[in-house]
Amino acid sequence: MIRETLDRFQRLLLALALLMPAIATAHPGHYHPPDEGDEFDQLRADYFHLHGYLEVGLAAVALVAVLLLRFHKNRKVKIGAAIAFTGSLALIVAF
């Protein structure tokens, strides 16, 4: 039971890691005049706009952490990778 749950969690983390580069490099891609607003502009600017190499580095850390979670045999390394993954996701959202 626990092993199956961990396997599902690892598959979910791997899927998220594969989508991370697409999310990190997404860009709004449209123009609005200065006086016209869009209700989704703030959401796009906050979460889907690349602000620099920090986000790319954090996405790389998350990807490496997922790979370590999946393929490393040492339990302590897996715990550290899980912490690094959740921390990098939290920092990506914060920036």
PDB file of N, CA and C in Angstrom:
ATOM      1  N   MET A   1       0.820  -1.190   0.000  1.00  0.00           N
ATOM      2  CA  MET A   1       0.000   0.000   0.000  1.00  0.00           C
ATOM      3  C   MET A   1       0.867   1.258   0.000  1.00  0.00           C
ATOM      4  N   ILE A   2       1.810   1.330   0.920  1.00  0.00           N
ATOM      5  CA  ILE A   2       2.679   2.506   1.001  1.00  0.00           C
ATOM      6  C   ILE A   2       3.576   2.570  -0.224  1.00  0.00           C
ATOM      7  N   ARG A   3       4.073   1.432  -0.654  1.00  0.00           N
ATOM      8  CA  ARG A   3       4.955   1.383  -1.834  1.00  0.00           C
ATOM      9  C   ARG A   3       4.218   1.865  -3.082  1.00  0.00           C
ATOM     10  N   GLU A   4       2.952   1.468  -3.250  1.00  0.00           N
ATOM     11  CA  GLU A   4       2.156   1.905  -4.393  1.00  0.00           C
ATOM     12  C   GLU A   4       1.921   3.411  -4.352  1.00  0.00           C
ATOM     13  N   THR A   5       1.656   3.940  -3.168  1.00  0.00           N
ATOM     14  CA  THR A   5       1.454   5.378  -3.020  1.00  0.00           C
ATOM     15  C   THR A   5       2.731   6.135  -3.358  1.00  0.00           C
ATOM     16  N   LEU A   6       3.871   5.651  -2.897  1.00  0.00           N
ATOM     17  CA  LEU A   6       5.140   6.299  -3.235  1.00  0.00           C
ATOM     18  C   LEU A   6       5.426   6.237  -4.727  1.00  0.00           C
ATOM     19  N   ASP A   7       5.103   5.122  -5.366  1.00  0.00           N
ATOM     20  CA  ASP A   7       5.288   5.015  -6.812  1.00  0.00           C
ATOM     21  C   ASP A   7       4.404   6.009  -7.557  1.00  0.00           C
ATOM     22  N   ARG A   8       3.165   6.165  -7.127  1.00  0.00           N
ATOM     23  CA  ARG A   8       2.274   7.151  -7.748  1.00  0.00           C
ATOM     24  C   ARG A   8       2.797   8.568  -7.538  1.00  0.00           C
ATOM     25  N   PHE A   9       3.286   8.857  -6.341  1.00  0.00           N
ATOM     26  CA  PHE A   9       3.830  10.178  -6.046  1.00  0.00           C
ATOM     27  C   PHE A   9       5.060  10.452  -6.905  1.00  0.00           C
ATOM     28  N   GLN A  10       5.910   9.460  -7.090  1.00  0.00           N
ATOM     29  CA  GLN A  10       7.092   9.635  -7.930  1.00  0.00           C
ATOM     30  C   GLN A  10       6.695   9.870  -9.383  1.00  0.00           C
ATOM     31  N   ARG A  11       5.680   9.193  -9.868  1.00  0.00           N
ATOM     32  CA  ARG A  11       5.211   9.426 -11.237  1.00  0.00           C
ATOM     33  C   ARG A  11       4.644  10.835 -11.387  1.00  0.00           C
ATOM     34  N   LEU A  12       3.924  11.302 -10.376  1.00  0.00           N
ATOM     35  CA  LEU A  12       3.389  12.658 -10.415  1.00  0.00           C
ATOM     36  C   LEU A  12       4.509  13.687 -10.415  1.00  0.00           C
ATOM     37  N   LEU A  13       5.515  13.494  -9.573  1.00  0.00           N
ATOM     38  CA  LEU A  13       6.646  14.420  -9.546  1.00  0.00           C
ATOM     39  C   LEU A  13       7.407  14.412 -10.866  1.00  0.00           C
ATOM     40  N   LEU A  14       7.546  13.270 -11.474  1.00  0.00           N
ATOM     41  CA  LEU A  14       8.223  13.181 -12.767  1.00  0.00           C
ATOM     42  C   LEU A  14       7.428  13.920 -13.839  1.00  0.00           C
ATOM     43  N   ALA A  15       6.114  13.776 -13.834  1.00  0.00           N
ATOM     44  CA  ALA A  15       5.283  14.496 -14.802  1.00  0.00           C
ATOM     45  C   ALA A  15       5.391  16.001 -14.592  1.00  0.00           C
ATOM     46  N   LEU A  16       5.380  16.439 -13.348  1.00  0.00           N
ATOM     47  CA  LEU A  16       5.547  17.866 -13.067  1.00  0.00           C
ATOM     48  C   LEU A  16       6.910  18.368 -13.520  1.00  0.00           C
ATOM     49  N   ALA A  17       7.930  17.569 -13.312  1.00  0.00           N
ATOM     50  CA  ALA A  17       9.276  17.973 -13.721  1.00  0.00           C
ATOM     51  C   ALA A  17       9.381  18.069 -15.235  1.00  0.00           C
ATOM     52  N   LEU A  18       8.690  17.206 -15.947  1.00  0.00           N
ATOM     53  CA  LEU A  18       8.719  17.279 -17.401  1.00  0.00           C
ATOM     54  C   LEU A  18       7.973  18.508 -17.915  1.00  0.00           C
ATOM     55  N   LEU A  19       6.968  18.954 -17.185  1.00  0.00           N
ATOM     56  CA  LEU A  19       6.233  20.151 -17.578  1.00  0.00           C
ATOM     57  C   LEU A  19       6.898  21.445 -17.098  1.00  0.00           C
ATOM     58  N   MET A  20       7.831  21.339 -16.160  1.00  0.00           N
ATOM     59  CA  MET A  20       8.441  22.524 -15.562  1.00  0.00           C
ATOM     60  C   MET A  20       9.120  23.447 -16.579  1.00  0.00           C
ATOM     61  N   PRO A  21       9.902  22.948 -17.535  1.00  0.00           N
ATOM     62  CA  PRO A  21      10.512  23.871 -18.502  1.00  0.00           C
ATOM     63  C   PRO A  21       9.480  24.650 -19.312  1.00  0.00           C
ATOM     64  N   ALA A  22       8.371  24.014 -19.668  1.00  0.00           N
ATOM     65  CA  ALA A  22       7.333  24.712 -20.415  1.00  0.00           C
ATOM     66  C   ALA A  22       6.695  25.804 -19.565  1.00  0.00           C
ATOM     67  N   ILE A  23       6.491  25.529 -18.304  1.00  0.00           N
ATOM     68  CA  ILE A  23       5.904  26.529 -17.414  1.00  0.00           C
ATOM     69  C   ILE A  23       6.898  27.657 -17.154  1.00  0.00           C
ATOM     70  N   ALA A  24       8.163  27.316 -16.980  1.00  0.00           N
ATOM     71  CA  ALA A  24       9.175  28.324 -16.665  1.00  0.00           C
ATOM     72  C   ALA A  24       9.438  29.264 -17.830  1.00  0.00           C
ATOM     73  N   THR A  25       9.268  28.817 -19.062  1.00  0.00           N
ATOM     74  CA  THR A  25       9.559  29.670 -20.205  1.00  0.00           C
ATOM     75  C   THR A  25       8.317  30.255 -20.859  1.00  0.00           C
ATOM     76  N   ALA A  26       7.148  30.006 -20.302  1.00  0.00           N
ATOM     77  CA  ALA A  26       5.921  30.542 -20.887  1.00  0.00           C
ATOM     78  C   ALA A  26       5.919  32.062 -20.810  1.00  0.00           C
ATOM     79  N   HIS A  27       5.279  32.672 -21.789  1.00  0.00           N
ATOM     80  CA  HIS A  27       5.240  34.131 -21.863  1.00  0.00           C
ATOM     81  C   HIS A  27       3.837  34.528 -22.296  1.00  0.00           C
ATOM     82  N   PRO A  28       3.299  35.654 -21.800  1.00  0.00           N
ATOM     83  CA  PRO A  28       1.944  36.050 -22.171  1.00  0.00           C
ATOM     84  C   PRO A  28       1.752  36.173 -23.684  1.00  0.00           C
ATOM     85  N   GLY A  29       2.664  36.811 -24.394  1.00  0.00           N
ATOM     86  CA  GLY A  29       2.644  36.824 -25.842  1.00  0.00           C
ATOM     87  C   GLY A  29       1.575  37.671 -26.507  1.00  0.00           C
ATOM     88  N   HIS A  30       0.978  38.619 -25.837  1.00  0.00           N
ATOM     89  CA  HIS A  30       0.039  39.512 -26.484  1.00  0.00           C
ATOM     90  C   HIS A  30       0.212  40.912 -25.941  1.00  0.00           C
ATOM     91  N   TYR A  31      -0.311  41.878 -26.658  1.00  0.00           N
ATOM     92  CA  TYR A  31      -0.118  43.282 -26.301  1.00  0.00           C
ATOM     93  C   TYR A  31      -1.454  43.909 -25.937  1.00  0.00           C
ATOM     94  N   HIS A  32      -1.419  44.718 -24.891  1.00  0.00           N
ATOM     95  CA  HIS A  32      -2.558  45.549 -24.515  1.00  0.00           C
ATOM     96  C   HIS A  32      -2.085  46.989 -24.460  1.00  0.00           C
ATOM     97  N   PRO A  33      -2.906  47.916 -24.945  1.00  0.00           N
ATOM     98  CA  PRO A  33      -2.549  49.328 -24.753  1.00  0.00           C
ATOM     99  C   PRO A  33      -2.487  49.648 -23.263  1.00  0.00           C
ATOM    100  N   PRO A  34      -1.769  50.708 -22.883  1.00  0.00           N
ATOM    101  CA  PRO A  34      -1.612  51.024 -21.445  1.00  0.00           C
ATOM    102  C   PRO A  34      -2.920  51.247 -20.702  1.00  0.00           C
ATOM    103  N   ASP A  35      -3.958  51.752 -21.378  1.00  0.00           N
ATOM    104  CA  ASP A  35      -5.217  52.026 -20.671  1.00  0.00           C
ATOM    105  C   ASP A  35      -6.156  50.820 -20.641  1.00  0.00           C
ATOM    106  N   GLU A  36      -5.824  49.755 -21.351  1.00  0.00           N
ATOM    107  CA  GLU A  36      -6.676  48.572 -21.385  1.00  0.00           C
ATOM    108  C   GLU A  36      -6.093  47.482 -20.493  1.00  0.00           C
ATOM    109  N   GLY A  37      -6.918  46.914 -19.652  1.00  0.00           N
ATOM    110  CA  GLY A  37      -6.456  45.865 -18.749  1.00  0.00           C
ATOM    111  C   GLY A  37      -7.122  44.541 -19.051  1.00  0.00           C
ATOM    112  N   ASP A  38      -6.495  43.489 -18.610  1.00  0.00           N
ATOM    113  CA  ASP A  38      -7.033  42.151 -18.762  1.00  0.00           C
ATOM    114  C   ASP A  38      -7.009  41.515 -17.380  1.00  0.00           C
ATOM    115  N   GLU A  39      -8.065  40.803 -17.026  1.00  0.00           N
ATOM    116  CA  GLU A  39      -8.129  40.235 -15.674  1.00  0.00           C
ATOM    117  C   GLU A  39      -7.068  39.164 -15.445  1.00  0.00           C
ATOM    118  N   PHE A  40      -6.523  38.597 -16.505  1.00  0.00           N
ATOM    119  CA  PHE A  40      -5.524  37.553 -16.345  1.00  0.00           C
ATOM    120  C   PHE A  40      -4.094  38.068 -16.479  1.00  0.00           C
ATOM    121  N   ASP A  41      -3.910  39.368 -16.711  1.00  0.00           N
ATOM    122  CA  ASP A  41      -2.561  39.898 -16.864  1.00  0.00           C
ATOM    123  C   ASP A  41      -1.724  39.713 -15.607  1.00  0.00           C
ATOM    124  N   GLN A  42      -2.298  39.956 -14.452  1.00  0.00           N
ATOM    125  CA  GLN A  42      -1.543  39.811 -13.206  1.00  0.00           C
ATOM    126  C   GLN A  42      -1.172  38.352 -12.963  1.00  0.00           C
ATOM    127  N   LEU A  43      -2.096  37.432 -13.241  1.00  0.00           N
ATOM    128  CA  LEU A  43      -1.802  36.007 -13.091  1.00  0.00           C
ATOM    129  C   LEU A  43      -0.669  35.596 -14.027  1.00  0.00           C
ATOM    130  N   ARG A  44      -0.732  36.033 -15.259  1.00  0.00           N
ATOM    131  CA  ARG A  44       0.328  35.702 -16.214  1.00  0.00           C
ATOM    132  C   ARG A  44       1.645  36.329 -15.797  1.00  0.00           C
ATOM    133  N   ALA A  45       1.601  37.557 -15.347  1.00  0.00           N
ATOM    134  CA  ALA A  45       2.840  38.236 -14.962  1.00  0.00           C
ATOM    135  C   ALA A  45       3.459  37.593 -13.720  1.00  0.00           C
ATOM    136  N   ASP A  46       2.622  37.127 -12.807  1.00  0.00           N
ATOM    137  CA  ASP A  46       3.144  36.555 -11.563  1.00  0.00           C
ATOM    138  C   ASP A  46       3.645  35.124 -11.719  1.00  0.00           C
ATOM    139  N   TYR A  47       2.940  34.307 -12.491  1.00  0.00           N
ATOM    140  CA  TYR A  47       3.247  32.879 -12.490  1.00  0.00           C
ATOM    141  C   TYR A  47       3.803  32.335 -13.801  1.00  0.00           C
ATOM    142  N   PHE A  48       3.515  32.964 -14.928  1.00  0.00           N
ATOM    143  CA  PHE A  48       3.910  32.379 -16.203  1.00  0.00           C
ATOM    144  C   PHE A  48       4.886  33.252 -16.990  1.00  0.00           C
ATOM    145  N   HIS A  49       5.523  34.183 -16.360  1.00  0.00           N
ATOM    146  CA  HIS A  49       6.465  35.058 -17.041  1.00  0.00           C
ATOM    147  C   HIS A  49       7.860  34.808 -16.489  1.00  0.00           C
ATOM    148  N   LEU A  50       8.790  34.539 -17.386  1.00  0.00           N
ATOM    149  CA  LEU A  50      10.154  34.259 -16.963  1.00  0.00           C
ATOM    150  C   LEU A  50      10.837  35.557 -16.543  1.00  0.00           C
ATOM    151  N   HIS A  51      11.372  35.597 -15.334  1.00  0.00           N
ATOM    152  CA  HIS A  51      11.991  36.803 -14.808  1.00  0.00           C
ATOM    153  C   HIS A  51      13.506  36.741 -14.817  1.00  0.00           C
ATOM    154  N   GLY A  52      14.086  35.664 -15.179  1.00  0.00           N
ATOM    155  CA  GLY A  52      15.539  35.588 -15.220  1.00  0.00           C
ATOM    156  C   GLY A  52      16.050  34.183 -14.986  1.00  0.00           C
ATOM    157  N   TYR A  53      17.354  34.116 -14.787  1.00  0.00           N
ATOM    158  CA  TYR A  53      17.999  32.819 -14.636  1.00  0.00           C
ATOM    159  C   TYR A  53      17.694  32.159 -13.299  1.00  0.00           C
ATOM    160  N   LEU A  54      17.199  32.902 -12.330  1.00  0.00           N
ATOM    161  CA  LEU A  54      16.862  32.314 -11.041  1.00  0.00           C
ATOM    162  C   LEU A  54      15.770  31.253 -11.195  1.00  0.00           C
ATOM    163  N   GLU A  55      14.716  31.579 -11.956  1.00  0.00           N
ATOM    164  CA  GLU A  55      13.640  30.615 -12.162  1.00  0.00           C
ATOM    165  C   GLU A  55      14.118  29.394 -12.947  1.00  0.00           C
ATOM    166  N   VAL A  56      14.986  29.620 -13.934  1.00  0.00           N
ATOM    167  CA  VAL A  56      15.517  28.498 -14.702  1.00  0.00           C
ATOM    168  C   VAL A  56      16.353  27.603 -13.789  1.00  0.00           C
ATOM    169  N   GLY A  57      17.162  28.212 -12.912  1.00  0.00           N
ATOM    170  CA  GLY A  57      17.956  27.433 -11.963  1.00  0.00           C
ATOM    171  C   GLY A  57      17.087  26.653 -10.990  1.00  0.00           C
ATOM    172  N   LEU A  58      16.022  27.284 -10.511  1.00  0.00           N
ATOM    173  CA  LEU A  58      15.117  26.588  -9.597  1.00  0.00           C
ATOM    174  C   LEU A  58      14.384  25.446 -10.303  1.00  0.00           C
ATOM    175  N   ALA A  59      14.026  25.646 -11.563  1.00  0.00           N
ATOM    176  CA  ALA A  59      13.398  24.566 -12.320  1.00  0.00           C
ATOM    177  C   ALA A  59      14.381  23.418 -12.525  1.00  0.00           C
ATOM    178  N   ALA A  60      15.647  23.744 -12.745  1.00  0.00           N
ATOM    179  CA  ALA A  60      16.664  22.692 -12.899  1.00  0.00           C
ATOM    180  C   ALA A  60      16.845  21.923 -11.593  1.00  0.00           C
ATOM    181  N   VAL A  61      16.833  22.634 -10.466  1.00  0.00           N
ATOM    182  CA  VAL A  61      16.939  21.964  -9.166  1.00  0.00           C
ATOM    183  C   VAL A  61      15.752  21.023  -8.962  1.00  0.00           C
ATOM    184  N   ALA A  62      14.562  21.479  -9.329  1.00  0.00           N
ATOM    185  CA  ALA A  62      13.376  20.637  -9.186  1.00  0.00           C
ATOM    186  C   ALA A  62      13.469  19.399 -10.077  1.00  0.00           C
ATOM    187  N   LEU A  63      13.977  19.572 -11.286  1.00  0.00           N
ATOM    188  CA  LEU A  63      14.110  18.432 -12.195  1.00  0.00           C
ATOM    189  C   LEU A  63      15.125  17.418 -11.675  1.00  0.00           C
ATOM    190  N   VAL A  64      16.265  17.894 -11.197  1.00  0.00           N
ATOM    191  CA  VAL A  64      17.283  16.988 -10.644  1.00  0.00           C
ATOM    192  C   VAL A  64      16.740  16.290  -9.398  1.00  0.00           C
ATOM    193  N   ALA A  65      15.980  17.023  -8.585  1.00  0.00           N
ATOM    194  CA  ALA A  65      15.398  16.419  -7.383  1.00  0.00           C
ATOM    195  C   ALA A  65      14.432  15.298  -7.747  1.00  0.00           C
ATOM    196  N   VAL A  66      13.629  15.486  -8.787  1.00  0.00           N
ATOM    197  CA  VAL A  66      12.704  14.433  -9.208  1.00  0.00           C
ATOM    198  C   VAL A  66      13.479  13.217  -9.697  1.00  0.00           C
ATOM    199  N   LEU A  67      14.550  13.447 -10.445  1.00  0.00           N
ATOM    200  CA  LEU A  67      15.355  12.324 -10.924  1.00  0.00           C
ATOM    201  C   LEU A  67      15.997  11.575  -9.754  1.00  0.00           C
ATOM    202  N   LEU A  68      16.466  12.315  -8.752  1.00  0.00           N
ATOM    203  CA  LEU A  68      17.033  11.661  -7.578  1.00  0.00           C
ATOM    204  C   LEU A  68      15.969  10.877  -6.813  1.00  0.00           C
ATOM    205  N   LEU A  69      14.783  11.453  -6.702  1.00  0.00           N
ATOM    206  CA  LEU A  69      13.695  10.732  -6.032  1.00  0.00           C
ATOM    207  C   LEU A  69      13.373   9.420  -6.741  1.00  0.00           C
ATOM    208  N   ARG A  70      13.447   9.446  -8.032  1.00  0.00           N
ATOM    209  CA  ARG A  70      13.075   8.255  -8.803  1.00  0.00           C
ATOM    210  C   ARG A  70      14.170   7.190  -8.827  1.00  0.00           C
ATOM    211  N   PHE A  71      15.426   7.612  -8.992  1.00  0.00           N
ATOM    212  CA  PHE A  71      16.464   6.645  -9.309  1.00  0.00           C
ATOM    213  C   PHE A  71      17.481   6.380  -8.198  1.00  0.00           C
ATOM    214  N   HIS A  72      17.554   7.206  -7.175  1.00  0.00           N
ATOM    215  CA  HIS A  72      18.563   6.988  -6.134  1.00  0.00           C
ATOM    216  C   HIS A  72      18.046   5.981  -5.117  1.00  0.00           C
ATOM    217  N   LYS A  73      18.945   5.183  -4.579  1.00  0.00           N
ATOM    218  CA  LYS A  73      18.536   4.127  -3.644  1.00  0.00           C
ATOM    219  C   LYS A  73      18.648   4.532  -2.177  1.00  0.00           C
ATOM    220  N   ASN A  74      19.449   5.541  -1.884  1.00  0.00           N
ATOM    221  CA  ASN A  74      19.652   5.968  -0.507  1.00  0.00           C
ATOM    222  C   ASN A  74      18.442   6.768  -0.023  1.00  0.00           C
ATOM    223  N   ARG A  75      17.888   6.374   1.096  1.00  0.00           N
ATOM    224  CA  ARG A  75      16.684   7.031   1.634  1.00  0.00           C
ATOM    225  C   ARG A  75      16.966   8.476   2.046  1.00  0.00           C
ATOM    226  N   LYS A  76      18.136   8.743   2.601  1.00  0.00           N
ATOM    227  CA  LYS A  76      18.465  10.109   3.026  1.00  0.00           C
ATOM    228  C   LYS A  76      18.569  11.050   1.829  1.00  0.00           C
ATOM    229  N   VAL A  77      19.100  10.555   0.734  1.00  0.00           N
ATOM    230  CA  VAL A  77      19.181  11.369  -0.476  1.00  0.00           C
ATOM    231  C   VAL A  77      17.776  11.663  -1.011  1.00  0.00           C
ATOM    232  N   LYS A  78      16.897  10.680  -0.945  1.00  0.00           N
ATOM    233  CA  LYS A  78      15.525  10.885  -1.396  1.00  0.00           C
ATOM    234  C   LYS A  78      14.798  11.924  -0.543  1.00  0.00           C
ATOM    235  N   ILE A  79      15.036  11.900   0.753  1.00  0.00           N
ATOM    236  CA  ILE A  79      14.411  12.893   1.637  1.00  0.00           C
ATOM    237  C   ILE A  79      14.935  14.290   1.303  1.00  0.00           C
ATOM    238  N   GLY A  80      16.241  14.407   1.109  1.00  0.00           N
ATOM    239  CA  GLY A  80      16.824  15.690   0.727  1.00  0.00           C
ATOM    240  C   GLY A  80      16.314  16.175  -0.617  1.00  0.00           C
ATOM    241  N   ALA A  81      16.136  15.249  -1.557  1.00  0.00           N
ATOM    242  CA  ALA A  81      15.611  15.613  -2.870  1.00  0.00           C
ATOM    243  C   ALA A  81      14.162  16.089  -2.775  1.00  0.00           C
ATOM    244  N   ALA A  82      13.368  15.446  -1.928  1.00  0.00           N
ATOM    245  CA  ALA A  82      11.980  15.879  -1.746  1.00  0.00           C
ATOM    246  C   ALA A  82      11.924  17.281  -1.145  1.00  0.00           C
ATOM    247  N   ILE A  83      12.794  17.559  -0.199  1.00  0.00           N
ATOM    248  CA  ILE A  83      12.850  18.901   0.408  1.00  0.00           C
ATOM    249  C   ILE A  83      13.291  19.927  -0.626  1.00  0.00           C
ATOM    250  N   ALA A  84      14.299  19.583  -1.423  1.00  0.00           N
ATOM    251  CA  ALA A  84      14.777  20.501  -2.468  1.00  0.00           C
ATOM    252  C   ALA A  84      13.698  20.755  -3.511  1.00  0.00           C
ATOM    253  N   PHE A  85      12.945  19.718  -3.862  1.00  0.00           N
ATOM    254  CA  PHE A  85      11.872  19.872  -4.850  1.00  0.00           C
ATOM    255  C   PHE A  85      10.790  20.812  -4.348  1.00  0.00           C
ATOM    256  N   THR A  86      10.293  20.568  -3.145  1.00  0.00           N
ATOM    257  CA  THR A  86       9.217  21.423  -2.619  1.00  0.00           C
ATOM    258  C   THR A  86       9.722  22.846  -2.375  1.00  0.00           C
ATOM    259  N   GLY A  87      10.962  22.979  -1.930  1.00  0.00           N
ATOM    260  CA  GLY A  87      11.517  24.319  -1.724  1.00  0.00           C
ATOM    261  C   GLY A  87      11.676  25.081  -3.017  1.00  0.00           C
ATOM    262  N   SER A  88      12.126  24.419  -4.060  1.00  0.00           N
ATOM    263  CA  SER A  88      12.301  25.106  -5.339  1.00  0.00           C
ATOM    264  C   SER A  88      10.943  25.485  -5.944  1.00  0.00           C
ATOM    265  N   LEU A  89       9.944  24.618  -5.785  1.00  0.00           N
ATOM    266  CA  LEU A  89       8.608  24.992  -6.265  1.00  0.00           C
ATOM    267  C   LEU A  89       8.055  26.192  -5.507  1.00  0.00           C
ATOM    268  N   ALA A  90       8.273  26.211  -4.212  1.00  0.00           N
ATOM    269  CA  ALA A  90       7.794  27.349  -3.407  1.00  0.00           C
ATOM    270  C   ALA A  90       8.498  28.636  -3.811  1.00  0.00           C
ATOM    271  N   LEU A  91       9.787  28.562  -4.084  1.00  0.00           N
ATOM    272  CA  LEU A  91      10.518  29.764  -4.488  1.00  0.00           C
ATOM    273  C   LEU A  91      10.143  30.218  -5.902  1.00  0.00           C
ATOM    274  N   ILE A  92       9.844  29.271  -6.796  1.00  0.00           N
ATOM    275  CA  ILE A  92       9.401  29.663  -8.141  1.00  0.00           C
ATOM    276  C   ILE A  92       8.093  30.450  -8.045  1.00  0.00           C
ATOM    277  N   VAL A  93       7.185  29.989  -7.218  1.00  0.00           N
ATOM    278  CA  VAL A  93       5.904  30.685  -7.053  1.00  0.00           C
ATOM    279  C   VAL A  93       6.125  32.039  -6.379  1.00  0.00           C
ATOM    280  N   ALA A  94       7.048  32.114  -5.428  1.00  0.00           N
ATOM    281  CA  ALA A  94       7.289  33.362  -4.708  1.00  0.00           C
ATOM    282  C   ALA A  94       7.900  34.434  -5.584  1.00  0.00           C
ATOM    283  N   PHE A  95       8.711  34.026  -6.544  1.00  0.00           N
ATOM    284  CA  PHE A  95       9.353  35.022  -7.422  1.00  0.00           C
ATOM    285  C   PHE A  95       8.492  35.278  -8.613  1.00  0.00           C
TER     286      PHE A  95
END
